[in-house]
Every structure is written in C-alpha cells, then in structure tokens.
Amino acid sequence: MTTLFSRTVPPEARHQGPFEHARHQLIVALARLQPPRAFNIFPAPDEFTAVKDHIRETAMIFDEWLALIGHEVKDNAVTKIDMRAFRSPFTDAVEGSAMWAVECQADALFEEQEEMKAGAR
C-alpha cells in the first residue's frame, strides 16, 4: 500500500527508535505538503475546495503518523490493542466538521455564481 509517508524520501536522519522514526516521517511529510494559495479578494469555489483538500491531506499525514505509533504500541503491549483506535482519527475528526464547513462555503459560492449567470441571461 502506498502512503503519503512512503511517497517521500526522507533525508538522512539519526533514528533513535520507532517513535523518533515516526516523528521524522511526520516532519518530512508535513514539510513537503503544498498549502493552497491565499484566497483572492473575492474567493472562487475552487479556492475553498483546495483548502478542503489541504485539510484532508494534512489529516491523512497525521493518521499515518498515529498508525506508526499504534503499531509500535500493539507490538509491545501485554494486552490486546484495538488498532481501530489508531486508524484515521484525524481524518474522521475533520471530515465531520472542518471539511464540511469549507465545502458548504464552496457550494454556496457556486450556487451564487449560478444565480448570477441565470440572472444575466
């Protein structure tokens, strides 16, 4: 499975263990993340869509970091660890709130543009 972490080639690093490795992978992935451009004075719907995509990609990076942590915890636990607790908590959190709020703005602007086009005919 290709992940955001595996698509990056991290620079040489002194790894002191699995948690340091996970932290390093997180930093590299975040450093390579391309943020959306600043909003124009009158933003277009696609500008909000770009922000939504940026939120999703950032959350996925943090999900991958937490999965690395979770696997290390599970591998060293003396009790059963439910890995569902380490699967996509960041993405799950932002999809239900932040991304929805941004998407609603994009939809509202799109509808406004469509109304203006219809009124100009």
C-alpha atoms as a PDB file:
ATOM      1  CA  MET A   1       0.000   0.000   0.000  1.00  0.00           C
ATOM      2  CA  THR A   2       1.378   3.408  -0.972  1.00  0.00           C
ATOM      3  CA  THR A   3       1.003   6.016   1.716  1.00  0.00           C
ATOM      4  CA  LEU A   4       1.882   9.680   1.973  1.00  0.00           C
ATOM      5  CA  PHE A   5       4.864   8.675   4.077  1.00  0.00           C
ATOM      6  CA  SER A   6       6.118   6.112   1.588  1.00  0.00           C
ATOM      7  CA  ARG A   7       5.938   8.631  -1.272  1.00  0.00           C
ATOM      8  CA  THR A   8       8.548  10.762   0.450  1.00  0.00           C
ATOM      9  CA  VAL A   9      12.236  10.074   0.536  1.00  0.00           C
ATOM     10  CA  PRO A  10      13.330  11.461   3.871  1.00  0.00           C
ATOM     11  CA  PRO A  11      16.767  12.956   4.261  1.00  0.00           C
ATOM     12  CA  GLU A  12      19.334  11.122   6.329  1.00  0.00           C
ATOM     13  CA  ALA A  13      18.296  11.132   9.957  1.00  0.00           C
ATOM     14  CA  ARG A  14      19.606   9.733  13.165  1.00  0.00           C
ATOM     15  CA  HIS A  15      16.815   7.423  14.292  1.00  0.00           C
ATOM     16  CA  GLN A  16      16.759   6.647  17.965  1.00  0.00           C
ATOM     17  CA  GLY A  17      13.879   4.242  17.720  1.00  0.00           C
ATOM     18  CA  PRO A  18      10.436   3.768  16.223  1.00  0.00           C
ATOM     19  CA  PHE A  19       8.901   6.874  17.804  1.00  0.00           C
ATOM     20  CA  GLU A  20      11.724   9.071  16.547  1.00  0.00           C
ATOM     21  CA  HIS A  21      11.320   7.436  13.136  1.00  0.00           C
ATOM     22  CA  ALA A  22       7.578   8.198  13.177  1.00  0.00           C
ATOM     23  CA  ARG A  23       8.268  11.803  14.218  1.00  0.00           C
ATOM     24  CA  HIS A  24      10.825  12.189  11.458  1.00  0.00           C
ATOM     25  CA  GLN A  25       8.419  10.786   8.859  1.00  0.00           C
ATOM     26  CA  LEU A  26       5.753  13.204  10.094  1.00  0.00           C
ATOM     27  CA  ILE A  27       8.051  16.207   9.806  1.00  0.00           C
ATOM     28  CA  VAL A  28       9.222  15.246   6.318  1.00  0.00           C
ATOM     29  CA  ALA A  29       5.672  14.676   5.077  1.00  0.00           C
ATOM     30  CA  LEU A  30       4.461  17.975   6.550  1.00  0.00           C
ATOM     31  CA  ALA A  31       7.423  19.850   5.091  1.00  0.00           C
ATOM     32  CA  ARG A  32       6.587  18.511   1.615  1.00  0.00           C
ATOM     33  CA  LEU A  33       2.917  19.371   1.913  1.00  0.00           C
ATOM     34  CA  GLN A  34       1.926  22.101  -0.534  1.00  0.00           C
ATOM     35  CA  PRO A  35      -0.554  24.504   1.067  1.00  0.00           C
ATOM     36  CA  PRO A  36      -3.215  26.144  -1.088  1.00  0.00           C
ATOM     37  CA  ARG A  37      -2.660  29.666  -2.283  1.00  0.00           C
ATOM     38  CA  ALA A  38      -4.144  32.574  -0.363  1.00  0.00           C
ATOM     39  CA  PHE A  39      -7.754  33.474  -1.061  1.00  0.00           C
ATOM     40  CA  ASN A  40      -8.402  36.136  -3.673  1.00  0.00           C
ATOM     41  CA  ILE A  41     -10.289  39.237  -2.591  1.00  0.00           C
ATOM     42  CA  PHE A  42     -13.424  37.570  -3.958  1.00  0.00           C
ATOM     43  CA  PRO A  43     -12.748  33.836  -3.498  1.00  0.00           C
ATOM     44  CA  ALA A  44     -13.992  31.317  -6.010  1.00  0.00           C
ATOM     45  CA  PRO A  45     -15.481  27.954  -5.026  1.00  0.00           C
ATOM     46  CA  ASP A  46     -12.373  26.082  -6.169  1.00  0.00           C
ATOM     47  CA  GLU A  47     -10.271  28.049  -3.684  1.00  0.00           C
ATOM     48  CA  PHE A  48     -12.375  26.607  -0.862  1.00  0.00           C
ATOM     49  CA  THR A  49     -12.145  23.161  -2.436  1.00  0.00           C
ATOM     50  CA  ALA A  50      -8.346  23.489  -2.400  1.00  0.00           C
ATOM     51  CA  VAL A  51      -8.469  24.294   1.321  1.00  0.00           C
ATOM     52  CA  LYS A  52     -10.688  21.269   1.936  1.00  0.00           C
ATOM     53  CA  ASP A  53      -8.233  19.065   0.057  1.00  0.00           C
ATOM     54  CA  HIS A  54      -5.358  20.528   2.086  1.00  0.00           C
ATOM     55  CA  ILE A  55      -7.157  19.757   5.343  1.00  0.00           C
ATOM     56  CA  ARG A  56      -7.785  16.173   4.174  1.00  0.00           C
ATOM     57  CA  GLU A  57      -4.170  15.626   3.107  1.00  0.00           C
ATOM     58  CA  THR A  58      -2.831  17.051   6.372  1.00  0.00           C
ATOM     59  CA  ALA A  59      -5.177  14.846   8.401  1.00  0.00           C
ATOM     60  CA  MET A  60      -4.038  11.806   6.404  1.00  0.00           C
ATOM     61  CA  ILE A  61      -0.421  12.592   7.237  1.00  0.00           C
ATOM     62  CA  PHE A  62      -1.258  12.703  10.934  1.00  0.00           C
ATOM     63  CA  ASP A  63      -3.274   9.480  10.587  1.00  0.00           C
ATOM     64  CA  GLU A  64      -0.236   7.726   9.139  1.00  0.00           C
ATOM     65  CA  TRP A  65       1.938   9.030  11.975  1.00  0.00           C
ATOM     66  CA  LEU A  66      -0.534   7.743  14.559  1.00  0.00           C
ATOM     67  CA  ALA A  67      -0.751   4.365  12.799  1.00  0.00           C
ATOM     68  CA  LEU A  68       3.037   4.004  13.146  1.00  0.00           C
ATOM     69  CA  ILE A  69       2.727   4.817  16.842  1.00  0.00           C
ATOM     70  CA  GLY A  70      -0.176   2.399  17.219  1.00  0.00           C
ATOM     71  CA  HIS A  71       1.693  -0.471  15.603  1.00  0.00           C
ATOM     72  CA  GLU A  72       4.615   0.037  17.954  1.00  0.00           C
ATOM     73  CA  VAL A  73       2.269   0.134  20.938  1.00  0.00           C
ATOM     74  CA  LYS A  74       0.492  -3.020  19.749  1.00  0.00           C
ATOM     75  CA  ASP A  75       3.765  -4.847  19.108  1.00  0.00           C
ATOM     76  CA  ASN A  76       4.884  -4.164  22.665  1.00  0.00           C
ATOM     77  CA  ALA A  77       1.584  -4.374  24.547  1.00  0.00           C
ATOM     78  CA  VAL A  78       0.797  -7.019  27.134  1.00  0.00           C
ATOM     79  CA  THR A  79      -2.938  -6.696  26.453  1.00  0.00           C
ATOM     80  CA  LYS A  80      -4.940  -6.711  23.227  1.00  0.00           C
ATOM     81  CA  ILE A  81      -4.787  -3.372  21.409  1.00  0.00           C
ATOM     82  CA  ASP A  82      -7.662  -2.470  19.109  1.00  0.00           C
ATOM     83  CA  MET A  83      -5.949  -0.858  16.139  1.00  0.00           C
ATOM     84  CA  ARG A  84      -9.202   0.845  15.150  1.00  0.00           C
ATOM     85  CA  ALA A  85      -8.283   3.458  17.752  1.00  0.00           C
ATOM     86  CA  PHE A  86      -5.249   4.343  15.623  1.00  0.00           C
ATOM     87  CA  ARG A  87      -6.985   4.267  12.238  1.00  0.00           C
ATOM     88  CA  SER A  88      -7.897   7.659  10.717  1.00  0.00           C
ATOM     89  CA  PRO A  89      -8.907   9.596  13.848  1.00  0.00           C
ATOM     90  CA  PHE A  90      -7.670  12.890  12.396  1.00  0.00           C
ATOM     91  CA  THR A  91      -9.436  12.428   9.066  1.00  0.00           C
ATOM     92  CA  ASP A  92     -12.583  11.289  10.844  1.00  0.00           C
ATOM     93  CA  ALA A  93     -12.496  14.415  13.023  1.00  0.00           C
ATOM     94  CA  VAL A  94     -12.079  16.941  10.225  1.00  0.00           C
ATOM     95  CA  GLU A  95     -14.448  15.277   7.747  1.00  0.00           C
ATOM     96  CA  GLY A  96     -17.379  15.737  10.071  1.00  0.00           C
ATOM     97  CA  SER A  97     -16.708  19.384  10.849  1.00  0.00           C
ATOM     98  CA  ALA A  98     -13.935  21.442   9.284  1.00  0.00           C
ATOM     99  CA  MET A  99     -14.061  19.977   5.788  1.00  0.00           C
ATOM    100  CA  TRP A 100     -17.851  20.133   5.765  1.00  0.00           C
ATOM    101  CA  ALA A 101     -17.806  23.823   6.759  1.00  0.00           C
ATOM    102  CA  VAL A 102     -15.353  24.642   3.975  1.00  0.00           C
ATOM    103  CA  GLU A 103     -17.305  22.562   1.453  1.00  0.00           C
ATOM    104  CA  CYS A 104     -20.526  24.378   2.383  1.00  0.00           C
ATOM    105  CA  GLN A 105     -18.845  27.690   1.589  1.00  0.00           C
ATOM    106  CA  ALA A 106     -17.683  26.397  -1.797  1.00  0.00           C
ATOM    107  CA  ASP A 107     -21.208  25.138  -2.555  1.00  0.00           C
ATOM    108  CA  ALA A 108     -22.764  28.470  -1.517  1.00  0.00           C
ATOM    109  CA  LEU A 109     -20.388  30.419  -3.753  1.00  0.00           C
ATOM    110  CA  PHE A 110     -21.049  28.063  -6.652  1.00  0.00           C
ATOM    111  CA  GLU A 111     -24.817  28.490  -6.237  1.00  0.00           C
ATOM    112  CA  GLU A 112     -24.390  32.264  -6.030  1.00  0.00           C
ATOM    113  CA  GLN A 113     -22.392  32.256  -9.267  1.00  0.00           C
ATOM    114  CA  GLU A 114     -25.008  30.119 -10.988  1.00  0.00           C
ATOM    115  CA  GLU A 115     -27.776  32.503  -9.869  1.00  0.00           C
ATOM    116  CA  MET A 116     -25.823  35.464 -11.187  1.00  0.00           C
ATOM    117  CA  LYS A 117     -25.303  33.716 -14.544  1.00  0.00           C
ATOM    118  CA  ALA A 118     -29.003  32.855 -14.747  1.00  0.00           C
ATOM    119  CA  GLY A 119     -29.985  36.444 -13.918  1.00  0.00           C
ATOM    120  CA  ALA A 120     -27.670  37.819 -16.609  1.00  0.00           C
ATOM    121  CA  ARG A 121     -29.427  35.846 -19.355  1.00  0.00           C
END
